[in-house]
Amino acid sequence: MSVQPYVPSSARADRTLLFGTDKNEVMRADESILTQDGSTVTAYWTSPSLNRGPEGIHNEYTLSKVVLFYSATAATTVTLTVSPDGGVTWTAPNAVASTTTIAQTAGQLKNVVTAFNVTGDDLRLRIQFTTDVAVKIFGYTPTLLKRGRVNFA
């Protein structure tokens, strides 16, 4: 028997996050809450590896640009950060961040191109939302340049 959680009719399917706790509770994240115990909530998404090869073989690549496909209810900014070491480091000098302005889309799909020059054997992309404007990310396309070095773990 499957038990479906109660979801109020006001909860939009494309913007509602349901999660379970270790106390067998089903919780719903409220997107209008911008603080947690007085601290600002930071929202970001991190990609899987952009260039990780088969287990034990790690090729070095350079990420030259990322094309982000999105729609937004209003103009806003997002910060794209690239980590060269599998997401261990998200700050300079190892990682590179770029704040990008995205336009209001009126329901249409748009894209924005951000240039990078980051080299590593496990590149990861983080998208951080700097405002509470509703942005829907449809996908991204990284441009990777393969380097000559191969590391055998």
N, C-alpha and C. Protein backbone atom coordinates (compact mmCIF):
# COMPACT_ATOMS: atom_id res chain seq x y z
N MET A 1 0.84 -1.17 0.00
CA MET A 1 0.00 0.00 0.00
C MET A 1 0.89 1.24 0.00
N SER A 2 0.55 2.19 -0.84
CA SER A 2 1.30 3.43 -0.93
C SER A 2 0.52 4.54 -0.25
N VAL A 3 1.21 5.33 0.53
CA VAL A 3 0.58 6.46 1.21
C VAL A 3 1.10 7.73 0.56
N GLN A 4 0.23 8.51 -0.01
CA GLN A 4 0.59 9.75 -0.65
C GLN A 4 0.50 10.90 0.35
N PRO A 5 1.51 11.79 0.41
CA PRO A 5 1.44 12.91 1.35
C PRO A 5 0.39 13.92 0.93
N TYR A 6 -0.17 14.60 1.91
CA TYR A 6 -1.13 15.66 1.63
C TYR A 6 -0.36 16.89 1.15
N VAL A 7 -0.73 17.40 0.01
CA VAL A 7 -0.12 18.61 -0.52
C VAL A 7 -1.24 19.62 -0.75
N PRO A 8 -1.18 20.77 -0.09
CA PRO A 8 -2.23 21.78 -0.28
C PRO A 8 -2.35 22.19 -1.73
N SER A 9 -3.53 22.58 -2.15
CA SER A 9 -3.74 22.98 -3.54
C SER A 9 -2.95 24.24 -3.89
N SER A 10 -2.51 25.00 -2.89
CA SER A 10 -1.71 26.20 -3.16
C SER A 10 -0.27 25.87 -3.51
N ALA A 11 0.16 24.63 -3.31
CA ALA A 11 1.54 24.23 -3.60
C ALA A 11 1.69 23.95 -5.08
N ARG A 12 2.52 24.74 -5.76
CA ARG A 12 2.75 24.55 -7.19
C ARG A 12 3.69 23.39 -7.41
N ALA A 13 3.36 22.53 -8.34
CA ALA A 13 4.15 21.33 -8.60
C ALA A 13 5.56 21.66 -9.08
N ASP A 14 5.73 22.75 -9.83
CA ASP A 14 7.05 23.08 -10.36
C ASP A 14 7.93 23.84 -9.38
N ARG A 15 7.38 24.21 -8.20
CA ARG A 15 8.16 24.99 -7.25
C ARG A 15 7.98 24.50 -5.81
N THR A 16 7.62 23.26 -5.63
CA THR A 16 7.39 22.72 -4.30
C THR A 16 8.36 21.59 -4.03
N LEU A 17 9.00 21.64 -2.86
CA LEU A 17 9.94 20.61 -2.47
C LEU A 17 9.38 19.88 -1.26
N LEU A 18 9.13 18.59 -1.43
CA LEU A 18 8.69 17.74 -0.33
C LEU A 18 9.86 16.87 0.08
N PHE A 19 10.05 16.68 1.38
CA PHE A 19 11.13 15.83 1.85
C PHE A 19 10.71 15.13 3.14
N GLY A 20 11.33 14.00 3.39
CA GLY A 20 11.03 13.23 4.59
C GLY A 20 12.09 13.43 5.65
N THR A 21 11.70 13.30 6.91
CA THR A 21 12.65 13.43 8.01
C THR A 21 12.88 12.07 8.65
N ASP A 22 13.85 12.01 9.55
CA ASP A 22 14.13 10.76 10.24
C ASP A 22 13.06 10.44 11.29
N LYS A 23 12.09 11.33 11.47
CA LYS A 23 10.98 11.11 12.41
C LYS A 23 9.71 10.70 11.66
N ASN A 24 9.86 10.23 10.42
CA ASN A 24 8.74 9.79 9.58
C ASN A 24 7.73 10.90 9.31
N GLU A 25 8.23 12.12 9.15
CA GLU A 25 7.38 13.26 8.81
C GLU A 25 7.63 13.64 7.36
N VAL A 26 6.60 14.10 6.68
CA VAL A 26 6.76 14.65 5.34
C VAL A 26 6.64 16.16 5.48
N MET A 27 7.68 16.87 5.06
CA MET A 27 7.74 18.32 5.21
C MET A 27 7.70 18.97 3.83
N ARG A 28 7.25 20.21 3.81
CA ARG A 28 7.23 20.98 2.57
C ARG A 28 8.02 22.24 2.78
N ALA A 29 8.99 22.52 1.89
CA ALA A 29 9.77 23.75 1.97
C ALA A 29 8.91 24.90 1.47
N ASP A 30 8.88 25.98 2.24
CA ASP A 30 8.11 27.16 1.88
C ASP A 30 9.02 28.13 1.15
N GLU A 31 8.78 28.35 -0.14
CA GLU A 31 9.67 29.18 -0.95
C GLU A 31 9.64 30.65 -0.55
N SER A 32 8.65 31.09 0.23
CA SER A 32 8.58 32.49 0.63
C SER A 32 9.47 32.79 1.85
N ILE A 33 9.97 31.76 2.52
CA ILE A 33 10.83 31.95 3.68
C ILE A 33 12.26 32.21 3.20
N LEU A 34 12.82 33.36 3.56
CA LEU A 34 14.14 33.75 3.11
C LEU A 34 15.18 33.70 4.22
N THR A 35 14.75 33.38 5.46
CA THR A 35 15.69 33.27 6.56
C THR A 35 15.40 32.00 7.36
N GLN A 36 16.41 31.50 8.04
CA GLN A 36 16.28 30.34 8.91
C GLN A 36 16.96 30.72 10.22
N ASP A 37 16.20 30.83 11.28
CA ASP A 37 16.74 31.23 12.59
C ASP A 37 17.54 32.51 12.50
N GLY A 38 17.08 33.48 11.71
CA GLY A 38 17.73 34.77 11.58
C GLY A 38 18.83 34.85 10.54
N SER A 39 19.23 33.73 9.97
CA SER A 39 20.28 33.73 8.94
C SER A 39 19.64 33.64 7.56
N THR A 40 20.22 34.36 6.61
CA THR A 40 19.71 34.35 5.25
C THR A 40 19.92 32.97 4.63
N VAL A 41 18.89 32.49 3.94
CA VAL A 41 18.97 31.20 3.26
C VAL A 41 19.69 31.41 1.93
N THR A 42 20.67 30.57 1.66
CA THR A 42 21.42 30.63 0.40
C THR A 42 20.96 29.46 -0.46
N ALA A 43 20.54 29.77 -1.69
CA ALA A 43 20.07 28.72 -2.60
C ALA A 43 21.08 28.55 -3.72
N TYR A 44 21.52 27.33 -3.93
CA TYR A 44 22.40 27.05 -5.05
C TYR A 44 22.20 25.62 -5.52
N TRP A 45 22.66 25.37 -6.73
CA TRP A 45 22.60 24.04 -7.34
C TRP A 45 24.00 23.72 -7.83
N THR A 46 24.44 22.48 -7.63
CA THR A 46 25.77 22.05 -8.06
C THR A 46 25.64 20.91 -9.05
N SER A 47 26.37 21.00 -10.14
CA SER A 47 26.33 19.97 -11.19
C SER A 47 27.11 18.74 -10.77
N PRO A 48 26.85 17.62 -11.44
CA PRO A 48 27.78 16.49 -11.32
C PRO A 48 29.06 16.86 -12.06
N SER A 49 30.03 15.99 -12.05
CA SER A 49 31.29 16.25 -12.74
C SER A 49 31.04 16.52 -14.23
N LEU A 50 31.70 17.53 -14.75
CA LEU A 50 31.54 17.86 -16.17
C LEU A 50 32.50 17.06 -17.04
N ASN A 51 33.55 16.49 -16.46
CA ASN A 51 34.58 15.85 -17.28
C ASN A 51 35.20 14.60 -16.67
N ARG A 52 34.59 14.04 -15.68
CA ARG A 52 35.18 12.85 -15.02
C ARG A 52 35.05 11.65 -15.94
N GLY A 53 36.17 10.95 -16.16
CA GLY A 53 36.17 9.78 -17.02
C GLY A 53 35.83 8.52 -16.26
N PRO A 54 36.10 7.36 -16.86
CA PRO A 54 35.85 6.10 -16.16
C PRO A 54 36.63 6.04 -14.85
N GLU A 55 36.18 5.23 -13.94
CA GLU A 55 36.82 5.11 -12.62
C GLU A 55 38.31 4.86 -12.77
N GLY A 56 39.11 5.68 -12.13
CA GLY A 56 40.56 5.51 -12.16
C GLY A 56 41.27 6.30 -13.24
N ILE A 57 40.54 6.85 -14.21
CA ILE A 57 41.16 7.64 -15.28
C ILE A 57 40.54 9.03 -15.26
N HIS A 58 41.39 10.03 -15.06
CA HIS A 58 40.91 11.41 -14.94
C HIS A 58 41.63 12.28 -15.96
N ASN A 59 40.91 12.73 -16.96
CA ASN A 59 41.48 13.60 -17.97
C ASN A 59 41.36 15.04 -17.53
N GLU A 60 42.38 15.82 -17.83
CA GLU A 60 42.36 17.24 -17.49
C GLU A 60 41.70 18.03 -18.62
N TYR A 61 40.74 18.87 -18.27
CA TYR A 61 40.02 19.69 -19.24
C TYR A 61 40.04 21.15 -18.80
N THR A 62 39.79 22.03 -19.76
CA THR A 62 39.58 23.45 -19.47
C THR A 62 38.15 23.79 -19.85
N LEU A 63 37.42 24.38 -18.92
CA LEU A 63 36.07 24.86 -19.20
C LEU A 63 36.19 26.28 -19.74
N SER A 64 35.75 26.49 -20.98
CA SER A 64 35.89 27.81 -21.60
C SER A 64 34.62 28.64 -21.53
N LYS A 65 33.45 27.99 -21.55
CA LYS A 65 32.20 28.76 -21.42
C LYS A 65 31.07 27.84 -21.01
N VAL A 66 30.01 28.45 -20.49
CA VAL A 66 28.79 27.75 -20.11
C VAL A 66 27.62 28.52 -20.69
N VAL A 67 26.73 27.81 -21.40
CA VAL A 67 25.48 28.40 -21.88
C VAL A 67 24.38 27.90 -20.95
N LEU A 68 23.67 28.85 -20.33
CA LEU A 68 22.61 28.54 -19.38
C LEU A 68 21.27 28.85 -20.03
N PHE A 69 20.35 27.86 -20.05
CA PHE A 69 19.02 28.02 -20.63
C PHE A 69 18.03 28.20 -19.49
N TYR A 70 17.22 29.26 -19.53
CA TYR A 70 16.39 29.61 -18.38
C TYR A 70 15.12 30.35 -18.79
N SER A 71 14.24 30.53 -17.81
CA SER A 71 13.17 31.51 -17.88
C SER A 71 13.10 32.16 -16.51
N ALA A 72 12.73 33.44 -16.47
CA ALA A 72 12.71 34.18 -15.21
C ALA A 72 11.50 35.10 -15.17
N THR A 73 10.91 35.23 -13.99
CA THR A 73 9.73 36.09 -13.83
C THR A 73 10.09 37.57 -13.80
N ALA A 74 11.37 37.89 -13.53
CA ALA A 74 11.86 39.27 -13.53
C ALA A 74 13.36 39.23 -13.78
N ALA A 75 13.92 40.37 -14.16
CA ALA A 75 15.37 40.44 -14.34
C ALA A 75 16.06 40.25 -12.99
N THR A 76 17.16 39.53 -12.99
CA THR A 76 17.89 39.25 -11.75
C THR A 76 19.32 38.88 -12.09
N THR A 77 20.08 38.50 -11.09
CA THR A 77 21.44 38.03 -11.31
C THR A 77 21.61 36.64 -10.71
N VAL A 78 22.48 35.87 -11.32
CA VAL A 78 22.89 34.58 -10.78
C VAL A 78 24.42 34.55 -10.80
N THR A 79 24.99 33.82 -9.86
CA THR A 79 26.43 33.68 -9.82
C THR A 79 26.78 32.25 -10.23
N LEU A 80 27.58 32.14 -11.28
CA LEU A 80 28.07 30.84 -11.75
C LEU A 80 29.50 30.70 -11.24
N THR A 81 29.77 29.59 -10.56
CA THR A 81 31.11 29.33 -10.02
C THR A 81 31.57 27.98 -10.53
N VAL A 82 32.84 27.89 -10.92
CA VAL A 82 33.41 26.63 -11.40
C VAL A 82 34.50 26.20 -10.42
N SER A 83 34.40 24.96 -9.96
CA SER A 83 35.40 24.36 -9.08
C SER A 83 36.21 23.34 -9.88
N PRO A 84 37.56 23.41 -9.83
CA PRO A 84 38.38 22.48 -10.59
C PRO A 84 38.66 21.17 -9.87
N ASP A 85 38.27 21.07 -8.59
CA ASP A 85 38.69 19.93 -7.78
C ASP A 85 37.52 19.12 -7.22
N GLY A 86 36.48 18.98 -8.02
CA GLY A 86 35.35 18.15 -7.60
C GLY A 86 34.45 18.79 -6.58
N GLY A 87 34.49 20.10 -6.44
CA GLY A 87 33.63 20.79 -5.49
C GLY A 87 34.21 20.91 -4.10
N VAL A 88 35.49 20.57 -3.93
CA VAL A 88 36.14 20.74 -2.63
C VAL A 88 36.32 22.22 -2.34
N THR A 89 36.71 22.98 -3.36
CA THR A 89 36.96 24.41 -3.21
C THR A 89 36.00 25.21 -4.09
N TRP A 90 35.30 26.17 -3.48
CA TRP A 90 34.39 27.04 -4.22
C TRP A 90 34.80 28.50 -4.13
N THR A 91 36.02 28.79 -3.64
CA THR A 91 36.49 30.16 -3.51
C THR A 91 37.80 30.34 -4.27
N ALA A 92 38.12 31.61 -4.58
CA ALA A 92 39.37 31.93 -5.26
C ALA A 92 40.53 31.58 -4.33
N PRO A 93 41.69 31.23 -4.83
CA PRO A 93 42.12 31.33 -6.21
C PRO A 93 41.81 30.09 -7.06
N ASN A 94 41.39 28.99 -6.44
CA ASN A 94 41.15 27.76 -7.22
C ASN A 94 39.89 27.86 -8.06
N ALA A 95 38.79 28.28 -7.47
CA ALA A 95 37.52 28.37 -8.19
C ALA A 95 37.38 29.76 -8.82
N VAL A 96 36.59 29.84 -9.87
CA VAL A 96 36.33 31.11 -10.55
C VAL A 96 34.83 31.36 -10.55
N ALA A 97 34.44 32.57 -10.12
CA ALA A 97 33.02 32.94 -10.06
C ALA A 97 32.74 34.09 -11.03
N SER A 98 31.54 34.08 -11.59
CA SER A 98 31.10 35.14 -12.50
C SER A 98 29.63 35.43 -12.23
N THR A 99 29.33 36.69 -11.94
CA THR A 99 27.94 37.09 -11.73
C THR A 99 27.36 37.52 -13.06
N THR A 100 26.23 36.94 -13.42
CA THR A 100 25.62 37.15 -14.72
C THR A 100 24.22 37.70 -14.55
N THR A 101 23.88 38.72 -15.34
CA THR A 101 22.53 39.28 -15.32
C THR A 101 21.68 38.50 -16.31
N ILE A 102 20.51 38.08 -15.85
CA ILE A 102 19.57 37.42 -16.74
C ILE A 102 18.32 38.27 -16.86
N ALA A 103 17.73 38.26 -18.02
CA ALA A 103 16.60 39.13 -18.32
C ALA A 103 15.28 38.44 -17.99
N GLN A 104 14.25 39.26 -17.81
CA GLN A 104 12.90 38.72 -17.68
C GLN A 104 12.52 38.08 -19.00
N THR A 105 11.82 36.94 -18.95
CA THR A 105 11.58 36.20 -20.18
C THR A 105 10.13 36.15 -20.62
N ALA A 106 9.21 36.57 -19.78
CA ALA A 106 7.78 36.52 -20.11
C ALA A 106 7.36 35.13 -20.55
N GLY A 107 7.88 34.11 -19.86
CA GLY A 107 7.51 32.73 -20.16
C GLY A 107 8.28 32.08 -21.29
N GLN A 108 9.16 32.82 -21.95
CA GLN A 108 9.93 32.27 -23.06
C GLN A 108 11.26 31.71 -22.57
N LEU A 109 11.81 30.78 -23.32
CA LEU A 109 13.12 30.21 -23.02
C LEU A 109 14.19 31.13 -23.58
N LYS A 110 15.17 31.51 -22.74
CA LYS A 110 16.29 32.33 -23.17
C LYS A 110 17.58 31.66 -22.74
N ASN A 111 18.70 32.19 -23.23
CA ASN A 111 19.99 31.68 -22.78
C ASN A 111 20.94 32.83 -22.53
N VAL A 112 21.93 32.54 -21.70
CA VAL A 112 22.99 33.50 -21.40
C VAL A 112 24.30 32.74 -21.44
N VAL A 113 25.35 33.37 -22.00
CA VAL A 113 26.66 32.74 -22.14
C VAL A 113 27.62 33.39 -21.15
N THR A 114 28.34 32.56 -20.40
CA THR A 114 29.34 33.05 -19.46
C THR A 114 30.68 32.40 -19.79
N ALA A 115 31.72 33.23 -19.95
CA ALA A 115 33.05 32.74 -20.31
C ALA A 115 33.84 32.40 -19.05
N PHE A 116 34.60 31.31 -19.11
CA PHE A 116 35.48 30.88 -18.04
C PHE A 116 36.81 30.45 -18.64
N ASN A 117 37.81 30.27 -17.80
CA ASN A 117 39.08 29.67 -18.19
C ASN A 117 39.61 28.92 -16.98
N VAL A 118 38.97 27.77 -16.67
CA VAL A 118 39.29 26.98 -15.49
C VAL A 118 39.71 25.58 -15.94
N THR A 119 40.86 25.12 -15.45
CA THR A 119 41.38 23.80 -15.82
C THR A 119 41.40 22.89 -14.59
N GLY A 120 40.97 21.64 -14.78
CA GLY A 120 41.01 20.68 -13.69
C GLY A 120 40.59 19.31 -14.17
N ASP A 121 40.74 18.30 -13.30
CA ASP A 121 40.37 16.94 -13.71
C ASP A 121 39.00 16.53 -13.18
N ASP A 122 38.32 17.40 -12.43
CA ASP A 122 36.95 17.15 -11.97
C ASP A 122 36.24 18.49 -11.83
N LEU A 123 35.83 19.05 -12.96
CA LEU A 123 35.18 20.36 -12.98
C LEU A 123 33.72 20.25 -12.55
N ARG A 124 33.28 21.17 -11.71
CA ARG A 124 31.89 21.23 -11.25
C ARG A 124 31.40 22.67 -11.40
N LEU A 125 30.12 22.80 -11.73
CA LEU A 125 29.48 24.10 -11.89
C LEU A 125 28.49 24.31 -10.76
N ARG A 126 28.50 25.48 -10.15
CA ARG A 126 27.51 25.84 -9.12
C ARG A 126 26.76 27.07 -9.61
N ILE A 127 25.44 27.00 -9.52
CA ILE A 127 24.58 28.14 -9.86
C ILE A 127 23.98 28.63 -8.55
N GLN A 128 24.29 29.88 -8.19
CA GLN A 128 23.78 30.46 -6.95
C GLN A 128 22.84 31.61 -7.30
N PHE A 129 21.66 31.58 -6.71
CA PHE A 129 20.64 32.58 -6.96
C PHE A 129 20.82 33.71 -5.95
N THR A 130 21.04 34.94 -6.45
CA THR A 130 21.37 36.06 -5.57
C THR A 130 20.14 36.83 -5.10
N THR A 131 18.98 36.55 -5.68
CA THR A 131 17.74 37.20 -5.25
C THR A 131 16.66 36.13 -5.15
N ASP A 132 15.47 36.53 -4.71
CA ASP A 132 14.37 35.57 -4.58
C ASP A 132 13.45 35.56 -5.80
N VAL A 133 13.94 36.05 -6.94
CA VAL A 133 13.17 36.00 -8.19
C VAL A 133 13.08 34.54 -8.64
N ALA A 134 11.90 34.13 -9.09
CA ALA A 134 11.72 32.75 -9.56
C ALA A 134 12.41 32.57 -10.91
N VAL A 135 13.42 31.70 -10.91
CA VAL A 135 14.19 31.38 -12.12
C VAL A 135 14.07 29.88 -12.34
N LYS A 136 13.68 29.49 -13.54
CA LYS A 136 13.60 28.07 -13.89
C LYS A 136 14.76 27.76 -14.82
N ILE A 137 15.63 26.85 -14.39
CA ILE A 137 16.78 26.44 -15.20
C ILE A 137 16.37 25.20 -16.00
N PHE A 138 16.45 25.30 -17.32
CA PHE A 138 16.08 24.18 -18.19
C PHE A 138 17.28 23.32 -18.54
N GLY A 139 18.47 23.88 -18.46
CA GLY A 139 19.66 23.11 -18.77
C GLY A 139 20.86 24.02 -18.95
N TYR A 140 21.99 23.40 -19.19
CA TYR A 140 23.23 24.13 -19.42
C TYR A 140 24.10 23.31 -20.36
N THR A 141 24.95 24.00 -21.11
CA THR A 141 25.88 23.33 -22.01
C THR A 141 27.28 23.86 -21.74
N PRO A 142 28.17 23.02 -21.20
CA PRO A 142 29.55 23.45 -20.99
C PRO A 142 30.38 23.22 -22.26
N THR A 143 31.33 24.10 -22.52
CA THR A 143 32.29 23.90 -23.60
C THR A 143 33.61 23.53 -22.96
N LEU A 144 34.05 22.29 -23.21
CA LEU A 144 35.26 21.75 -22.59
C LEU A 144 36.35 21.54 -23.63
N LEU A 145 37.59 21.88 -23.27
CA LEU A 145 38.74 21.65 -24.12
C LEU A 145 39.62 20.63 -23.44
N LYS A 146 39.87 19.49 -24.10
CA LYS A 146 40.66 18.41 -23.51
C LYS A 146 42.14 18.77 -23.52
N ARG A 147 42.79 18.58 -22.40
CA ARG A 147 44.23 18.82 -22.28
C ARG A 147 44.97 17.50 -22.43
N GLY A 148 46.27 17.55 -22.55
CA GLY A 148 47.05 16.36 -22.83
C GLY A 148 47.33 15.46 -21.64
N ARG A 149 47.13 15.93 -20.42
CA ARG A 149 47.52 15.17 -19.25
C ARG A 149 46.42 14.21 -18.81
N VAL A 150 46.78 12.96 -18.52
CA VAL A 150 45.86 11.97 -17.99
C VAL A 150 46.41 11.48 -16.66
N ASN A 151 45.60 11.48 -15.63
CA ASN A 151 46.01 10.99 -14.31
C ASN A 151 45.41 9.62 -14.09
N PHE A 152 46.23 8.65 -13.74
CA PHE A 152 45.75 7.31 -13.41
C PHE A 152 45.76 7.18 -11.91
N ALA A 153 44.57 7.03 -11.33
CA ALA A 153 44.46 6.96 -9.86
C ALA A 153 44.75 5.56 -9.37
